PDB file of all heavy atoms in Angstrom:
ATOM      1  N   ALA A   1       0.825  -1.148  -0.097  1.00  0.00           N
ATOM      2  CA  ALA A   1      -0.017  -0.002  -0.015  1.00  0.00           C
ATOM      3  C   ALA A   1       0.822   1.235  -0.026  1.00  0.00           C
ATOM      4  O   ALA A   1       1.829   1.326   0.854  1.00  0.00           O
ATOM      5  CB  ALA A   1      -0.848  -0.040   1.297  1.00  0.00           C
ATOM      6  N   ALA A   2       0.572   2.142  -0.872  1.00  0.00           N
ATOM      7  CA  ALA A   2       1.352   3.432  -1.133  1.00  0.00           C
ATOM      8  C   ALA A   2       0.551   4.586  -0.670  1.00  0.00           C
ATOM      9  O   ALA A   2      -0.582   4.647  -1.084  1.00  0.00           O
ATOM     10  CB  ALA A   2       1.860   3.432  -2.444  1.00  0.00           C
ATOM     11  N   SER A   3       1.251   5.542  -0.024  1.00  0.00           N
ATOM     12  CA  SER A   3       0.638   6.849   0.180  1.00  0.00           C
ATOM     13  C   SER A   3       0.919   7.649  -0.947  1.00  0.00           C
ATOM     14  O   SER A   3       1.749   7.446  -1.795  1.00  0.00           O
ATOM     15  CB  SER A   3       1.070   7.475   1.504  1.00  0.00           C
ATOM     16  OG  SER A   3       2.524   7.716   1.329  1.00  0.00           O
ATOM     17  N   GLY A   4       0.135   8.839  -1.095  1.00  0.00           N
ATOM     18  CA  GLY A   4       0.502   9.744  -2.097  1.00  0.00           C
ATOM     19  C   GLY A   4      -0.401   9.675  -3.404  1.00  0.00           C
ATOM     20  O   GLY A   4      -0.896   8.577  -3.714  1.00  0.00           O
ATOM     21  N   SER A   5      -0.678  10.730  -3.960  1.00  0.00           N
ATOM     22  CA  SER A   5      -1.768  10.766  -5.085  1.00  0.00           C
ATOM     23  C   SER A   5      -1.156  10.543  -6.360  1.00  0.00           C
ATOM     24  O   SER A   5      -1.855  10.352  -7.279  1.00  0.00           O
ATOM     25  CB  SER A   5      -2.300  12.200  -5.063  1.00  0.00           C
ATOM     26  OG  SER A   5      -1.378  13.173  -5.251  1.00  0.00           O
ATOM     27  N   ILE A   6       0.208  10.381  -6.540  1.00  0.00           N
ATOM     28  CA  ILE A   6       0.785  10.157  -7.796  1.00  0.00           C
ATOM     29  C   ILE A   6       1.232   8.799  -8.124  1.00  0.00           C
ATOM     30  O   ILE A   6       1.944   8.501  -8.993  1.00  0.00           O
ATOM     31  CB  ILE A   6       2.031  11.145  -8.072  1.00  0.00           C
ATOM     32  CG1 ILE A   6       3.062  10.829  -7.139  1.00  0.00           C
ATOM     33  CG2 ILE A   6       1.539  12.577  -8.078  1.00  0.00           C
ATOM     34  CD1 ILE A   6       4.399  11.579  -7.371  1.00  0.00           C
ATOM     35  N   PHE A   7       0.785   7.791  -7.118  1.00  0.00           N
ATOM     36  CA  PHE A   7       1.203   6.434  -7.289  1.00  0.00           C
ATOM     37  C   PHE A   7       0.864   5.905  -8.748  1.00  0.00           C
ATOM     38  O   PHE A   7       1.565   5.098  -9.176  1.00  0.00           O
ATOM     39  CB  PHE A   7       0.444   5.632  -6.200  1.00  0.00           C
ATOM     40  CG  PHE A   7       0.502   4.187  -6.402  1.00  0.00           C
ATOM     41  CD1 PHE A   7       1.564   3.536  -5.910  1.00  0.00           C
ATOM     42  CD2 PHE A   7      -0.622   3.376  -7.064  1.00  0.00           C
ATOM     43  CE1 PHE A   7       1.642   2.131  -6.058  1.00  0.00           C
ATOM     44  CE2 PHE A   7      -0.544   2.046  -7.185  1.00  0.00           C
ATOM     45  CZ  PHE A   7       0.585   1.403  -6.700  1.00  0.00           C
ATOM     46  N   SER A   8      -0.226   6.272  -9.323  1.00  0.00           N
ATOM     47  CA  SER A   8      -0.736   5.719 -10.581  1.00  0.00           C
ATOM     48  C   SER A   8       0.343   5.926 -11.615  1.00  0.00           C
ATOM     49  O   SER A   8       0.290   5.159 -12.622  1.00  0.00           O
ATOM     50  CB  SER A   8      -2.038   6.232 -10.930  1.00  0.00           C
ATOM     51  OG  SER A   8      -1.955   7.585 -11.159  1.00  0.00           O
ATOM     52  N   ILE A   9       1.143   6.882 -11.612  1.00  0.00           N
ATOM     53  CA  ILE A   9       2.162   7.081 -12.634  1.00  0.00           C
ATOM     54  C   ILE A   9       3.433   6.427 -12.455  1.00  0.00           C
ATOM     55  O   ILE A   9       4.254   6.358 -13.319  1.00  0.00           O
ATOM     56  CB  ILE A   9       2.346   8.607 -12.895  1.00  0.00           C
ATOM     57  CG1 ILE A   9       3.159   9.252 -11.647  1.00  0.00           C
ATOM     58  CG2 ILE A   9       1.098   9.348 -13.120  1.00  0.00           C
ATOM     59  CD1 ILE A   9       3.676  10.702 -11.966  1.00  0.00           C
ATOM     60  N   TYR A  10       3.624   5.821 -11.312  1.00  0.00           N
ATOM     61  CA  TYR A  10       4.882   5.135 -10.938  1.00  0.00           C
ATOM     62  C   TYR A  10       4.965   3.728 -11.695  1.00  0.00           C
ATOM     63  O   TYR A  10       3.990   3.046 -11.782  1.00  0.00           O
ATOM     64  CB  TYR A  10       4.991   4.899  -9.491  1.00  0.00           C
ATOM     65  CG  TYR A  10       5.355   5.990  -8.587  1.00  0.00           C
ATOM     66  CD1 TYR A  10       5.435   7.282  -9.084  1.00  0.00           C
ATOM     67  CD2 TYR A  10       5.659   5.939  -7.206  1.00  0.00           C
ATOM     68  CE1 TYR A  10       5.782   8.354  -8.217  1.00  0.00           C
ATOM     69  CE2 TYR A  10       5.976   6.818  -6.330  1.00  0.00           C
ATOM     70  CZ  TYR A  10       6.048   8.154  -6.952  1.00  0.00           C
ATOM     71  OH  TYR A  10       6.449   9.171  -6.065  1.00  0.00           O
ATOM     72  N   THR A  11       6.115   3.480 -12.113  1.00  0.00           N
ATOM     73  CA  THR A  11       6.450   2.129 -12.292  1.00  0.00           C
ATOM     74  C   THR A  11       6.917   1.468 -10.939  1.00  0.00           C
ATOM     75  O   THR A  11       7.823   2.097 -10.310  1.00  0.00           O
ATOM     76  CB  THR A  11       7.603   1.946 -13.372  1.00  0.00           C
ATOM     77  OG1 THR A  11       7.083   2.388 -14.707  1.00  0.00           O
ATOM     78  CG2 THR A  11       8.103   0.420 -13.485  1.00  0.00           C
ATOM     79  N   MET A  12       6.216   0.421 -10.583  1.00  0.00           N
ATOM     80  CA  MET A  12       6.466  -0.140  -9.280  1.00  0.00           C
ATOM     81  C   MET A  12       7.082  -1.401  -9.418  1.00  0.00           C
ATOM     82  O   MET A  12       6.865  -2.248 -10.188  1.00  0.00           O
ATOM     83  CB  MET A  12       5.134  -0.302  -8.532  1.00  0.00           C
ATOM     84  CG  MET A  12       4.436   0.895  -8.076  1.00  0.00           C
ATOM     85  SD  MET A  12       5.480   1.801  -6.780  1.00  0.00           S
ATOM     86  CE  MET A  12       5.586   0.564  -5.480  1.00  0.00           C
ATOM     87  N   GLY A  13       8.077  -1.643  -8.457  1.00  0.00           N
ATOM     88  CA  GLY A  13       8.868  -2.817  -8.367  1.00  0.00           C
ATOM     89  C   GLY A  13       8.674  -3.606  -6.989  1.00  0.00           C
ATOM     90  O   GLY A  13       8.513  -3.058  -6.037  1.00  0.00           O
ATOM     91  N   TRP A  14       8.768  -4.861  -7.096  1.00  0.00           N
ATOM     92  CA  TRP A  14       8.909  -5.712  -5.940  1.00  0.00           C
ATOM     93  C   TRP A  14      10.288  -6.246  -5.894  1.00  0.00           C
ATOM     94  O   TRP A  14      10.857  -6.639  -6.885  1.00  0.00           O
ATOM     95  CB  TRP A  14       7.859  -7.091  -5.975  1.00  0.00           C
ATOM     96  CG  TRP A  14       6.584  -6.684  -5.524  1.00  0.00           C
ATOM     97  CD1 TRP A  14       5.472  -6.421  -6.290  1.00  0.00           C
ATOM     98  CD2 TRP A  14       6.070  -6.680  -4.063  1.00  0.00           C
ATOM     99  NE1 TRP A  14       4.394  -6.318  -5.460  1.00  0.00           N
ATOM    100  CE2 TRP A  14       4.719  -6.326  -4.084  1.00  0.00           C
ATOM    101  CE3 TRP A  14       6.867  -6.799  -2.888  1.00  0.00           C
ATOM    102  CZ2 TRP A  14       3.963  -6.214  -2.917  1.00  0.00           C
ATOM    103  CZ3 TRP A  14       6.025  -6.640  -1.748  1.00  0.00           C
ATOM    104  CH2 TRP A  14       4.709  -6.403  -1.777  1.00  0.00           C
ATOM    105  N   TYR A  15      10.985  -6.174  -4.684  1.00  0.00           N
ATOM    106  CA  TYR A  15      12.330  -6.504  -4.399  1.00  0.00           C
ATOM    107  C   TYR A  15      12.281  -7.491  -3.248  1.00  0.00           C
ATOM    108  O   TYR A  15      11.412  -7.577  -2.476  1.00  0.00           O
ATOM    109  CB  TYR A  15      13.164  -5.301  -4.071  1.00  0.00           C
ATOM    110  CG  TYR A  15      13.090  -4.184  -5.156  1.00  0.00           C
ATOM    111  CD1 TYR A  15      12.063  -3.314  -5.249  1.00  0.00           C
ATOM    112  CD2 TYR A  15      14.192  -4.064  -6.023  1.00  0.00           C
ATOM    113  CE1 TYR A  15      11.973  -2.299  -6.201  1.00  0.00           C
ATOM    114  CE2 TYR A  15      14.123  -3.051  -7.072  1.00  0.00           C
ATOM    115  CZ  TYR A  15      12.974  -2.277  -7.105  1.00  0.00           C
ATOM    116  OH  TYR A  15      12.906  -1.245  -8.034  1.00  0.00           O
ATOM    117  N   ARG A  16      13.474  -8.188  -3.182  1.00  0.00           N
ATOM    118  CA  ARG A  16      13.637  -9.006  -2.054  1.00  0.00           C
ATOM    119  C   ARG A  16      15.147  -9.120  -1.727  1.00  0.00           C
ATOM    120  O   ARG A  16      16.004  -8.935  -2.436  1.00  0.00           O
ATOM    121  CB  ARG A  16      13.155 -10.468  -2.412  1.00  0.00           C
ATOM    122  CG  ARG A  16      13.952 -11.210  -3.460  1.00  0.00           C
ATOM    123  CD  ARG A  16      13.253 -12.598  -3.781  1.00  0.00           C
ATOM    124  NE  ARG A  16      13.899 -13.350  -4.798  1.00  0.00           N
ATOM    125  CZ  ARG A  16      13.522 -14.552  -5.310  1.00  0.00           C
ATOM    126  NH1 ARG A  16      12.426 -15.010  -4.926  1.00  0.00           N
ATOM    127  NH2 ARG A  16      14.239 -15.080  -6.203  1.00  0.00           N
ATOM    128  N   GLN A  17      15.250  -9.405  -0.456  1.00  0.00           N
ATOM    129  CA  GLN A  17      16.557  -9.497   0.161  1.00  0.00           C
ATOM    130  C   GLN A  17      16.741 -10.697   1.097  1.00  0.00           C
ATOM    131  O   GLN A  17      15.978 -10.711   2.139  1.00  0.00           O
ATOM    132  CB  GLN A  17      16.946  -8.230   1.011  1.00  0.00           C
ATOM    133  CG  GLN A  17      18.506  -8.251   1.387  1.00  0.00           C
ATOM    134  CD  GLN A  17      18.984  -6.845   1.909  1.00  0.00           C
ATOM    135  OE1 GLN A  17      18.130  -6.054   2.178  1.00  0.00           O
ATOM    136  NE2 GLN A  17      20.322  -6.653   1.881  1.00  0.00           N
ATOM    137  N   ALA A  18      17.580 -11.727   0.614  1.00  0.00           N
ATOM    138  CA  ALA A  18      17.705 -12.891   1.443  1.00  0.00           C
ATOM    139  C   ALA A  18      18.799 -12.699   2.452  1.00  0.00           C
ATOM    140  O   ALA A  18      19.627 -11.799   2.148  1.00  0.00           O
ATOM    141  CB  ALA A  18      17.960 -14.062   0.481  1.00  0.00           C
ATOM    142  N   PRO A  19      18.827 -13.476   3.533  1.00  0.00           N
ATOM    143  CA  PRO A  19      19.994 -13.266   4.454  1.00  0.00           C
ATOM    144  C   PRO A  19      21.300 -13.456   3.825  1.00  0.00           C
ATOM    145  O   PRO A  19      21.593 -14.273   3.022  1.00  0.00           O
ATOM    146  CB  PRO A  19      19.810 -14.416   5.489  1.00  0.00           C
ATOM    147  CG  PRO A  19      18.405 -14.680   5.397  1.00  0.00           C
ATOM    148  CD  PRO A  19      17.962 -14.476   3.923  1.00  0.00           C
ATOM    149  N   GLY A  20      22.209 -12.327   4.026  1.00  0.00           N
ATOM    150  CA  GLY A  20      23.502 -12.410   3.541  1.00  0.00           C
ATOM    151  C   GLY A  20      23.668 -12.112   2.009  1.00  0.00           C
ATOM    152  O   GLY A  20      24.784 -12.112   1.474  1.00  0.00           O
ATOM    153  N   LYS A  21      22.523 -11.699   1.347  1.00  0.00           N
ATOM    154  CA  LYS A  21      22.568 -11.357   0.029  1.00  0.00           C
ATOM    155  C   LYS A  21      22.121  -9.894  -0.152  1.00  0.00           C
ATOM    156  O   LYS A  21      21.462  -9.269   0.639  1.00  0.00           O
ATOM    157  CB  LYS A  21      21.679 -12.308  -0.758  1.00  0.00           C
ATOM    158  CG  LYS A  21      22.282 -13.747  -0.707  1.00  0.00           C
ATOM    159  CD  LYS A  21      21.386 -14.577  -1.695  1.00  0.00           C
ATOM    160  CE  LYS A  21      21.882 -15.968  -1.802  1.00  0.00           C
ATOM    161  NZ  LYS A  21      21.199 -16.860  -2.675  1.00  0.00           N
ATOM    162  N   GLN A  22      22.510  -9.383  -1.375  1.00  0.00           N
ATOM    163  CA  GLN A  22      22.073  -8.080  -1.745  1.00  0.00           C
ATOM    164  C   GLN A  22      20.539  -8.114  -2.118  1.00  0.00           C
ATOM    165  O   GLN A  22      20.052  -8.982  -2.630  1.00  0.00           O
ATOM    166  CB  GLN A  22      22.762  -7.447  -2.943  1.00  0.00           C
ATOM    167  CG  GLN A  22      24.313  -7.164  -2.553  1.00  0.00           C
ATOM    168  CD  GLN A  22      25.005  -6.419  -3.650  1.00  0.00           C
ATOM    169  OE1 GLN A  22      24.618  -6.551  -4.841  1.00  0.00           O
ATOM    170  NE2 GLN A  22      25.974  -5.582  -3.184  1.00  0.00           N
ATOM    171  N   ARG A  23      19.871  -6.910  -1.921  1.00  0.00           N
ATOM    172  CA  ARG A  23      18.577  -6.748  -2.455  1.00  0.00           C
ATOM    173  C   ARG A  23      18.494  -6.913  -3.984  1.00  0.00           C
ATOM    174  O   ARG A  23      19.351  -6.387  -4.670  1.00  0.00           O
ATOM    175  CB  ARG A  23      18.016  -5.353  -1.913  1.00  0.00           C
ATOM    176  CG  ARG A  23      16.470  -5.250  -2.213  1.00  0.00           C
ATOM    177  CD  ARG A  23      16.062  -3.961  -1.640  1.00  0.00           C
ATOM    178  NE  ARG A  23      16.214  -3.865  -0.148  1.00  0.00           N
ATOM    179  CZ  ARG A  23      16.256  -2.853   0.588  1.00  0.00           C
ATOM    180  NH1 ARG A  23      16.207  -1.629   0.054  1.00  0.00           N
ATOM    181  NH2 ARG A  23      16.315  -3.006   1.912  1.00  0.00           N
ATOM    182  N   GLU A  24      17.453  -7.613  -4.443  1.00  0.00           N
ATOM    183  CA  GLU A  24      17.407  -7.819  -5.791  1.00  0.00           C
ATOM    184  C   GLU A  24      16.019  -7.515  -6.418  1.00  0.00           C
ATOM    185  O   GLU A  24      14.948  -7.733  -5.534  1.00  0.00           O
ATOM    186  CB  GLU A  24      17.708  -9.296  -6.242  1.00  0.00           C
ATOM    187  CG  GLU A  24      16.760 -10.395  -5.574  1.00  0.00           C
ATOM    188  CD  GLU A  24      17.002 -11.733  -6.247  1.00  0.00           C
ATOM    189  OE1 GLU A  24      17.692 -11.903  -7.253  1.00  0.00           O
ATOM    190  OE2 GLU A  24      16.445 -12.727  -5.687  1.00  0.00           O
ATOM    191  N   LEU A  25      15.836  -7.139  -7.585  1.00  0.00           N
ATOM    192  CA  LEU A  25      14.511  -6.833  -8.210  1.00  0.00           C
ATOM    193  C   LEU A  25      13.900  -8.294  -8.543  1.00  0.00           C
ATOM    194  O   LEU A  25      14.592  -8.988  -9.197  1.00  0.00           O
ATOM    195  CB  LEU A  25      14.696  -6.058  -9.424  1.00  0.00           C
ATOM    196  CG  LEU A  25      13.477  -5.825 -10.273  1.00  0.00           C
ATOM    197  CD1 LEU A  25      12.465  -4.906  -9.574  1.00  0.00           C
ATOM    198  CD2 LEU A  25      13.802  -5.230 -11.707  1.00  0.00           C
ATOM    199  N   VAL A  26      12.691  -8.401  -8.242  1.00  0.00           N
ATOM    200  CA  VAL A  26      11.895  -9.570  -8.507  1.00  0.00           C
ATOM    201  C   VAL A  26      10.964  -9.414  -9.687  1.00  0.00           C
ATOM    202  O   VAL A  26      10.963 -10.149 -10.640  1.00  0.00           O
ATOM    203  CB  VAL A  26      11.026  -9.929  -7.294  1.00  0.00           C
ATOM    204  CG1 VAL A  26      10.066 -11.205  -7.599  1.00  0.00           C
ATOM    205  CG2 VAL A  26      11.790 -10.250  -6.084  1.00  0.00           C
ATOM    206  N   ALA A  27      10.326  -8.231  -9.809  1.00  0.00           N
ATOM    207  CA  ALA A  27       9.336  -7.886 -10.807  1.00  0.00           C
ATOM    208  C   ALA A  27       9.053  -6.522 -10.788  1.00  0.00           C
ATOM    209  O   ALA A  27       9.135  -5.789  -9.809  1.00  0.00           O
ATOM    210  CB  ALA A  27       8.065  -8.721 -10.713  1.00  0.00           C
ATOM    211  N   TYR A  28       8.622  -5.963 -11.991  1.00  0.00           N
ATOM    212  CA  TYR A  28       8.074  -4.574 -11.941  1.00  0.00           C
ATOM    213  C   TYR A  28       6.820  -4.486 -12.857  1.00  0.00           C
ATOM    214  O   TYR A  28       6.663  -5.339 -13.745  1.00  0.00           O
ATOM    215  CB  TYR A  28       9.105  -3.569 -12.401  1.00  0.00           C
ATOM    216  CG  TYR A  28       9.605  -3.596 -13.797  1.00  0.00           C
ATOM    217  CD1 TYR A  28       8.835  -2.979 -14.757  1.00  0.00           C
ATOM    218  CD2 TYR A  28      10.834  -4.123 -14.086  1.00  0.00           C
ATOM    219  CE1 TYR A  28       9.306  -3.036 -16.094  1.00  0.00           C
ATOM    220  CE2 TYR A  28      11.239  -4.075 -15.433  1.00  0.00           C
ATOM    221  CZ  TYR A  28      10.474  -3.582 -16.411  1.00  0.00           C
ATOM    222  OH  TYR A  28      10.913  -3.564 -17.723  1.00  0.00           O
ATOM    223  N   ILE A  29       6.055  -3.406 -12.694  1.00  0.00           N
ATOM    224  CA  ILE A  29       4.888  -3.261 -13.407  1.00  0.00           C
ATOM    225  C   ILE A  29       4.849  -1.659 -13.778  1.00  0.00           C
ATOM    226  O   ILE A  29       4.878  -0.865 -12.902  1.00  0.00           O
ATOM    227  CB  ILE A  29       3.574  -3.683 -12.826  1.00  0.00           C
ATOM    228  CG1 ILE A  29       2.332  -3.401 -13.547  1.00  0.00           C
ATOM    229  CG2 ILE A  29       3.410  -3.050 -11.416  1.00  0.00           C
ATOM    230  CD1 ILE A  29       1.160  -4.319 -13.144  1.00  0.00           C
ATOM    231  N   THR A  30       4.571  -1.314 -14.967  1.00  0.00           N
ATOM    232  CA  THR A  30       4.465   0.011 -15.409  1.00  0.00           C
ATOM    233  C   THR A  30       3.151   0.696 -15.085  1.00  0.00           C
ATOM    234  O   THR A  30       2.250  -0.099 -14.793  1.00  0.00           O
ATOM    235  CB  THR A  30       4.812   0.191 -16.880  1.00  0.00           C
ATOM    236  OG1 THR A  30       3.700  -0.380 -17.611  1.00  0.00           O
ATOM    237  CG2 THR A  30       6.000  -0.507 -17.370  1.00  0.00           C
ATOM    238  N   SER A  31       3.029   1.973 -15.246  1.00  0.00           N
ATOM    239  CA  SER A  31       1.674   2.595 -15.082  1.00  0.00           C
ATOM    240  C   SER A  31       0.566   2.001 -16.008  1.00  0.00           C
ATOM    241  O   SER A  31      -0.585   1.957 -15.671  1.00  0.00           O
ATOM    242  CB  SER A  31       1.852   4.091 -15.170  1.00  0.00           C
ATOM    243  OG  SER A  31       2.255   4.433 -16.404  1.00  0.00           O
ATOM    244  N   GLY A  32       1.156   1.570 -17.049  1.00  0.00           N
ATOM    245  CA  GLY A  32       0.176   1.050 -18.109  1.00  0.00           C
ATOM    246  C   GLY A  32      -0.070  -0.536 -18.025  1.00  0.00           C
ATOM    247  O   GLY A  32      -0.797  -1.052 -18.759  1.00  0.00           O
ATOM    248  N   GLY A  33       0.587  -1.192 -16.985  1.00  0.00           N
ATOM    249  CA  GLY A  33       0.367  -2.443 -16.715  1.00  0.00           C
ATOM    250  C   GLY A  33       1.338  -3.580 -17.410  1.00  0.00           C
ATOM    251  O   GLY A  33       1.201  -4.691 -17.338  1.00  0.00           O
ATOM    252  N   ARG A  34       2.404  -2.944 -18.047  1.00  0.00           N
ATOM    253  CA  ARG A  34       3.392  -3.877 -18.580  1.00  0.00           C
ATOM    254  C   ARG A  34       4.145  -4.445 -17.518  1.00  0.00           C
ATOM    255  O   ARG A  34       4.578  -3.735 -16.532  1.00  0.00           O
ATOM    256  CB  ARG A  34       4.170  -3.117 -19.561  1.00  0.00           C
ATOM    257  CG  ARG A  34       5.196  -3.985 -20.315  1.00  0.00           C
ATOM    258  CD  ARG A  34       5.963  -3.262 -21.483  1.00  0.00           C
ATOM    259  NE  ARG A  34       6.579  -2.049 -21.101  1.00  0.00           N
ATOM    260  CZ  ARG A  34       7.842  -1.988 -20.689  1.00  0.00           C
ATOM    261  NH1 ARG A  34       8.604  -3.116 -20.575  1.00  0.00           N
ATOM    262  NH2 ARG A  34       8.450  -0.981 -20.256  1.00  0.00           N
ATOM    263  N   THR A  35       4.577  -5.681 -17.621  1.00  0.00           N
ATOM    264  CA  THR A  35       5.196  -6.364 -16.491  1.00  0.00           C
ATOM    265  C   THR A  35       6.540  -6.983 -16.936  1.00  0.00           C
ATOM    266  O   THR A  35       6.735  -7.338 -18.040  1.00  0.00           O
ATOM    267  CB  THR A  35       4.432  -7.532 -15.911  1.00  0.00           C
ATOM    268  OG1 THR A  35       4.109  -8.489 -16.843  1.00  0.00           O
ATOM    269  CG2 THR A  35       3.082  -6.875 -15.274  1.00  0.00           C
ATOM    270  N   ASN A  36       7.400  -7.205 -16.010  1.00  0.00           N
ATOM    271  CA  ASN A  36       8.678  -7.875 -16.245  1.00  0.00           C
ATOM    272  C   ASN A  36       9.119  -8.704 -15.011  1.00  0.00           C
ATOM    273  O   ASN A  36       8.905  -8.103 -13.869  1.00  0.00           O
ATOM    274  CB  ASN A  36       9.714  -6.795 -16.683  1.00  0.00           C
ATOM    275  CG  ASN A  36      11.028  -7.589 -17.257  1.00  0.00           C
ATOM    276  OD1 ASN A  36      11.862  -7.879 -16.486  1.00  0.00           O
ATOM    277  ND2 ASN A  36      11.025  -7.738 -18.497  1.00  0.00           N
ATOM    278  N   TYR A  37       9.820  -9.813 -15.176  1.00  0.00           N
ATOM    279  CA  TYR A  37      10.154 -10.601 -14.061  1.00  0.00           C
ATOM    280  C   TYR A  37      11.556 -11.136 -14.140  1.00  0.00           C
ATOM    281  O   TYR A  37      12.075 -11.327 -15.259  1.00  0.00           O
ATOM    282  CB  TYR A  37       9.254 -11.890 -14.077  1.00  0.00           C
ATOM    283  CG  TYR A  37       7.744 -11.523 -13.963  1.00  0.00           C
ATOM    284  CD1 TYR A  37       6.984 -11.393 -15.060  1.00  0.00           C
ATOM    285  CD2 TYR A  37       7.209 -11.501 -12.637  1.00  0.00           C
ATOM    286  CE1 TYR A  37       5.593 -11.065 -14.943  1.00  0.00           C
ATOM    287  CE2 TYR A  37       5.740 -11.162 -12.523  1.00  0.00           C
ATOM    288  CZ  TYR A  37       5.033 -10.960 -13.723  1.00  0.00           C
ATOM    289  OH  TYR A  37       3.696 -10.632 -13.547  1.00  0.00           O
ATOM    290  N   THR A  38      12.141 -11.222 -13.071  1.00  0.00           N
ATOM    291  CA  THR A  38      13.593 -11.986 -13.067  1.00  0.00           C
ATOM    292  C   THR A  38      13.257 -13.366 -13.509  1.00  0.00           C
ATOM    293  O   THR A  38      12.221 -14.000 -13.210  1.00  0.00           O
ATOM    294  CB  THR A  38      14.233 -11.698 -11.673  1.00  0.00           C
ATOM    295  OG1 THR A  38      15.552 -12.142 -11.766  1.00  0.00           O
ATOM    296  CG2 THR A  38      13.486 -12.601 -10.740  1.00  0.00           C
ATOM    297  N   ASP A  39      14.254 -13.914 -14.076  1.00  0.00           N
ATOM    298  CA  ASP A  39      14.149 -15.316 -14.548  1.00  0.00           C
ATOM    299  C   ASP A  39      13.821 -16.377 -13.582  1.00  0.00           C
ATOM    300  O   ASP A  39      13.030 -17.217 -13.844  1.00  0.00           O
ATOM    301  CB  ASP A  39      15.509 -15.754 -15.250  1.00  0.00           C
ATOM    302  CG  ASP A  39      15.771 -15.096 -16.588  1.00  0.00           C
ATOM    303  OD1 ASP A  39      14.801 -14.490 -17.014  1.00  0.00           O
ATOM    304  OD2 ASP A  39      16.959 -15.141 -17.047  1.00  0.00           O
ATOM    305  N   SER A  40      14.230 -16.190 -12.368  1.00  0.00           N
ATOM    306  CA  SER A  40      14.011 -17.218 -11.243  1.00  0.00           C
ATOM    307  C   SER A  40      12.595 -17.301 -10.940  1.00  0.00           C
ATOM    308  O   SER A  40      12.148 -18.310 -10.288  1.00  0.00           O
ATOM    309  CB  SER A  40      14.861 -17.044 -10.121  1.00  0.00           C
ATOM    310  OG  SER A  40      14.635 -15.821  -9.535  1.00  0.00           O
ATOM    311  N   VAL A  41      11.687 -16.231 -11.210  1.00  0.00           N
ATOM    312  CA  VAL A  41      10.378 -16.324 -10.916  1.00  0.00           C
ATOM    313  C   VAL A  41       9.382 -16.326 -11.943  1.00  0.00           C
ATOM    314  O   VAL A  41       8.092 -16.395 -11.702  1.00  0.00           O
ATOM    315  CB  VAL A  41       9.972 -15.131  -9.836  1.00  0.00           C
ATOM    316  CG1 VAL A  41      10.985 -15.032  -8.674  1.00  0.00           C
ATOM    317  CG2 VAL A  41       9.934 -13.782 -10.681  1.00  0.00           C
TER     318      VAL A  41
END
């Protein structure tokens, strides 16, 4: 859940960080609904 009135124009990403590892991008979605995923998911 995001605060703010301009959320709809953001490209939003989901990220994850496992213990001892760097944060990585999992997936993103554009304002228009286009999506992209990292290969592992």
